[in-house]
Amino acid sequence: MSDEEKALIRTMKRCNIPTRKIVAVLAYIRGGMDKLPYNKRKVSNYGTTINRELENSDVMEVQQYFENKQAESPGFCYSMEVYAKNKVRSVFWTDARSRIMYQEYG
């Protein structure tokens, strides 16, 4: 697998594209399934490696997103409750408009 193909697989995995479709795209790029020097299993194994890398990054991405939103809009606030082993128990967020509506209508 070339570095470019690995990067493409990584991108497609992040977009939740199934392995069979990833293989189909790679085969199309190479000119057919017979020209693909690896099989679905190798692509699946590489996808598993990517999933392991991304396993704990989703909460960090959410937190970064919330921090950016808070910097853009001072009325935005959020709270995350975490278990002992850094497992998220709950997430709450609200924006300025929602807070105004809550004050107005309860």
C-alpha atoms as a PDB file:
ATOM      1  CA  MET A   1       0.000   0.000   0.000  1.00  0.00           C
ATOM      2  CA  SER A   2       1.393   3.378  -0.924  1.00  0.00           C
ATOM      3  CA  ASP A   3       1.406   6.293   1.516  1.00  0.00           C
ATOM      4  CA  GLU A   4      -1.179   8.026  -0.673  1.00  0.00           C
ATOM      5  CA  GLU A   5      -3.477   5.003  -0.504  1.00  0.00           C
ATOM      6  CA  LYS A   6      -3.072   4.831   3.268  1.00  0.00           C
ATOM      7  CA  ALA A   7      -3.987   8.509   3.534  1.00  0.00           C
ATOM      8  CA  LEU A   8      -7.032   7.904   1.335  1.00  0.00           C
ATOM      9  CA  ILE A   9      -8.091   4.920   3.457  1.00  0.00           C
ATOM     10  CA  ARG A  10      -7.665   7.032   6.603  1.00  0.00           C
ATOM     11  CA  THR A  11      -9.876   9.763   5.100  1.00  0.00           C
ATOM     12  CA  MET A  12     -12.555   7.307   4.032  1.00  0.00           C
ATOM     13  CA  LYS A  13     -12.530   5.587   7.450  1.00  0.00           C
ATOM     14  CA  ARG A  14     -13.069   8.960   9.149  1.00  0.00           C
ATOM     15  CA  CYS A  15     -16.090   9.411   6.856  1.00  0.00           C
ATOM     16  CA  ASN A  16     -17.439   6.008   7.970  1.00  0.00           C
ATOM     17  CA  ILE A  17     -17.215   4.486   4.511  1.00  0.00           C
ATOM     18  CA  PRO A  18     -17.463   0.671   4.717  1.00  0.00           C
ATOM     19  CA  THR A  19     -14.382  -1.388   3.906  1.00  0.00           C
ATOM     20  CA  ARG A  20     -15.965  -2.983   0.822  1.00  0.00           C
ATOM     21  CA  LYS A  21     -16.555   0.472  -0.671  1.00  0.00           C
ATOM     22  CA  ILE A  22     -13.035   1.570   0.231  1.00  0.00           C
ATOM     23  CA  VAL A  23     -11.679  -1.468  -1.623  1.00  0.00           C
ATOM     24  CA  ALA A  24     -13.919  -0.640  -4.599  1.00  0.00           C
ATOM     25  CA  VAL A  25     -12.558   2.927  -4.752  1.00  0.00           C
ATOM     26  CA  LEU A  26      -8.959   1.736  -4.481  1.00  0.00           C
ATOM     27  CA  ALA A  27      -9.564  -0.857  -7.210  1.00  0.00           C
ATOM     28  CA  TYR A  28     -11.111   1.791  -9.451  1.00  0.00           C
ATOM     29  CA  ILE A  29      -8.085   4.052  -8.964  1.00  0.00           C
ATOM     30  CA  ARG A  30      -5.723   1.187  -9.792  1.00  0.00           C
ATOM     31  CA  GLY A  31      -7.706   0.131 -12.858  1.00  0.00           C
ATOM     32  CA  GLY A  32      -9.583  -2.900 -11.534  1.00  0.00           C
ATOM     33  CA  MET A  33      -9.622  -5.480  -8.768  1.00  0.00           C
ATOM     34  CA  ASP A  34      -7.032  -7.590 -10.596  1.00  0.00           C
ATOM     35  CA  LYS A  35      -4.542  -4.701 -10.382  1.00  0.00           C
ATOM     36  CA  LEU A  36      -4.978  -4.241  -6.630  1.00  0.00           C
ATOM     37  CA  PRO A  37      -1.870  -5.719  -4.922  1.00  0.00           C
ATOM     38  CA  TYR A  38      -3.736  -6.332  -1.634  1.00  0.00           C
ATOM     39  CA  ASN A  39      -7.116  -7.697  -0.618  1.00  0.00           C
ATOM     40  CA  LYS A  40     -10.056  -6.596   1.527  1.00  0.00           C
ATOM     41  CA  ARG A  41      -8.510  -8.201   4.613  1.00  0.00           C
ATOM     42  CA  LYS A  42      -5.389  -5.992   4.418  1.00  0.00           C
ATOM     43  CA  VAL A  43      -7.550  -2.886   4.026  1.00  0.00           C
ATOM     44  CA  SER A  44      -9.690  -4.035   6.971  1.00  0.00           C
ATOM     45  CA  ASN A  45      -6.591  -4.638   9.118  1.00  0.00           C
ATOM     46  CA  TYR A  46      -5.274  -1.173   8.288  1.00  0.00           C
ATOM     47  CA  GLY A  47      -8.709   0.239   9.159  1.00  0.00           C
ATOM     48  CA  THR A  48      -8.516  -1.475  12.549  1.00  0.00           C
ATOM     49  CA  THR A  49      -5.149   0.194  13.162  1.00  0.00           C
ATOM     50  CA  ILE A  50      -6.693   3.568  12.323  1.00  0.00           C
ATOM     51  CA  ASN A  51      -9.652   2.919  14.627  1.00  0.00           C
ATOM     52  CA  ARG A  52      -7.291   2.168  17.510  1.00  0.00           C
ATOM     53  CA  GLU A  53      -5.514   5.469  16.927  1.00  0.00           C
ATOM     54  CA  LEU A  54      -8.812   7.375  16.863  1.00  0.00           C
ATOM     55  CA  GLU A  55     -10.408   5.481  19.746  1.00  0.00           C
ATOM     56  CA  ASN A  56      -9.805   8.074  22.448  1.00  0.00           C
ATOM     57  CA  SER A  57      -9.652  11.184  20.316  1.00  0.00           C
ATOM     58  CA  ASP A  58     -13.397  11.719  19.851  1.00  0.00           C
ATOM     59  CA  VAL A  59     -13.935  13.300  23.271  1.00  0.00           C
ATOM     60  CA  MET A  60     -10.883  15.482  22.796  1.00  0.00           C
ATOM     61  CA  GLU A  61     -12.296  16.645  19.453  1.00  0.00           C
ATOM     62  CA  VAL A  62     -15.636  17.486  21.092  1.00  0.00           C
ATOM     63  CA  GLN A  63     -13.890  19.423  23.841  1.00  0.00           C
ATOM     64  CA  GLN A  64     -11.802  21.336  21.285  1.00  0.00           C
ATOM     65  CA  TYR A  65     -14.969  22.130  19.312  1.00  0.00           C
ATOM     66  CA  PHE A  66     -16.672  23.436  22.468  1.00  0.00           C
ATOM     67  CA  GLU A  67     -13.654  25.562  23.356  1.00  0.00           C
ATOM     68  CA  ASN A  68     -13.666  27.095  19.866  1.00  0.00           C
ATOM     69  CA  LYS A  69     -17.414  27.790  20.087  1.00  0.00           C
ATOM     70  CA  GLN A  70     -16.928  29.419  23.483  1.00  0.00           C
ATOM     71  CA  ALA A  71     -14.173  31.650  22.090  1.00  0.00           C
ATOM     72  CA  GLU A  72     -16.437  32.685  19.184  1.00  0.00           C
ATOM     73  CA  SER A  73     -19.533  33.234  21.306  1.00  0.00           C
ATOM     74  CA  PRO A  74     -19.221  34.293  24.952  1.00  0.00           C
ATOM     75  CA  GLY A  75     -22.803  33.108  25.596  1.00  0.00           C
ATOM     76  CA  PHE A  76     -21.875  29.522  24.763  1.00  0.00           C
ATOM     77  CA  CYS A  77     -21.117  27.264  27.713  1.00  0.00           C
ATOM     78  CA  TYR A  78     -20.581  23.573  28.234  1.00  0.00           C
ATOM     79  CA  SER A  79     -19.918  21.058  30.963  1.00  0.00           C
ATOM     80  CA  MET A  80     -18.548  17.522  30.838  1.00  0.00           C
ATOM     81  CA  GLU A  81     -18.905  15.047  33.675  1.00  0.00           C
ATOM     82  CA  VAL A  82     -16.213  12.349  33.678  1.00  0.00           C
ATOM     83  CA  TYR A  83     -16.004   8.989  35.483  1.00  0.00           C
ATOM     84  CA  ALA A  84     -12.886   7.924  37.365  1.00  0.00           C
ATOM     85  CA  LYS A  85     -11.240   6.244  34.349  1.00  0.00           C
ATOM     86  CA  ASN A  86     -11.670   9.280  32.056  1.00  0.00           C
ATOM     87  CA  LYS A  87     -14.946   7.925  30.691  1.00  0.00           C
ATOM     88  CA  VAL A  88     -17.505  10.610  29.851  1.00  0.00           C
ATOM     89  CA  ARG A  89     -20.671  10.311  31.881  1.00  0.00           C
ATOM     90  CA  SER A  90     -22.543  13.318  30.530  1.00  0.00           C
ATOM     91  CA  VAL A  91     -22.127  16.348  28.307  1.00  0.00           C
ATOM     92  CA  PHE A  92     -24.177  19.542  28.445  1.00  0.00           C
ATOM     93  CA  TRP A  93     -23.928  22.579  26.208  1.00  0.00           C
ATOM     94  CA  THR A  94     -26.013  25.609  25.438  1.00  0.00           C
ATOM     95  CA  ASP A  95     -25.706  28.763  23.392  1.00  0.00           C
ATOM     96  CA  ALA A  96     -26.720  32.360  24.125  1.00  0.00           C
ATOM     97  CA  ARG A  97     -30.029  32.101  22.265  1.00  0.00           C
ATOM     98  CA  SER A  98     -31.067  28.992  24.204  1.00  0.00           C
ATOM     99  CA  ARG A  99     -30.202  30.676  27.494  1.00  0.00           C
ATOM    100  CA  ILE A 100     -32.318  33.702  26.582  1.00  0.00           C
ATOM    101  CA  MET A 101     -35.221  31.439  25.612  1.00  0.00           C
ATOM    102  CA  TYR A 102     -34.907  29.550  28.892  1.00  0.00           C
ATOM    103  CA  GLN A 103     -35.038  32.810  30.880  1.00  0.00           C
ATOM    104  CA  GLU A 104     -38.051  33.912  28.848  1.00  0.00           C
ATOM    105  CA  TYR A 105     -40.092  30.695  28.835  1.00  0.00           C
ATOM    106  CA  GLY A 106     -38.551  28.497  31.502  1.00  0.00           C
END
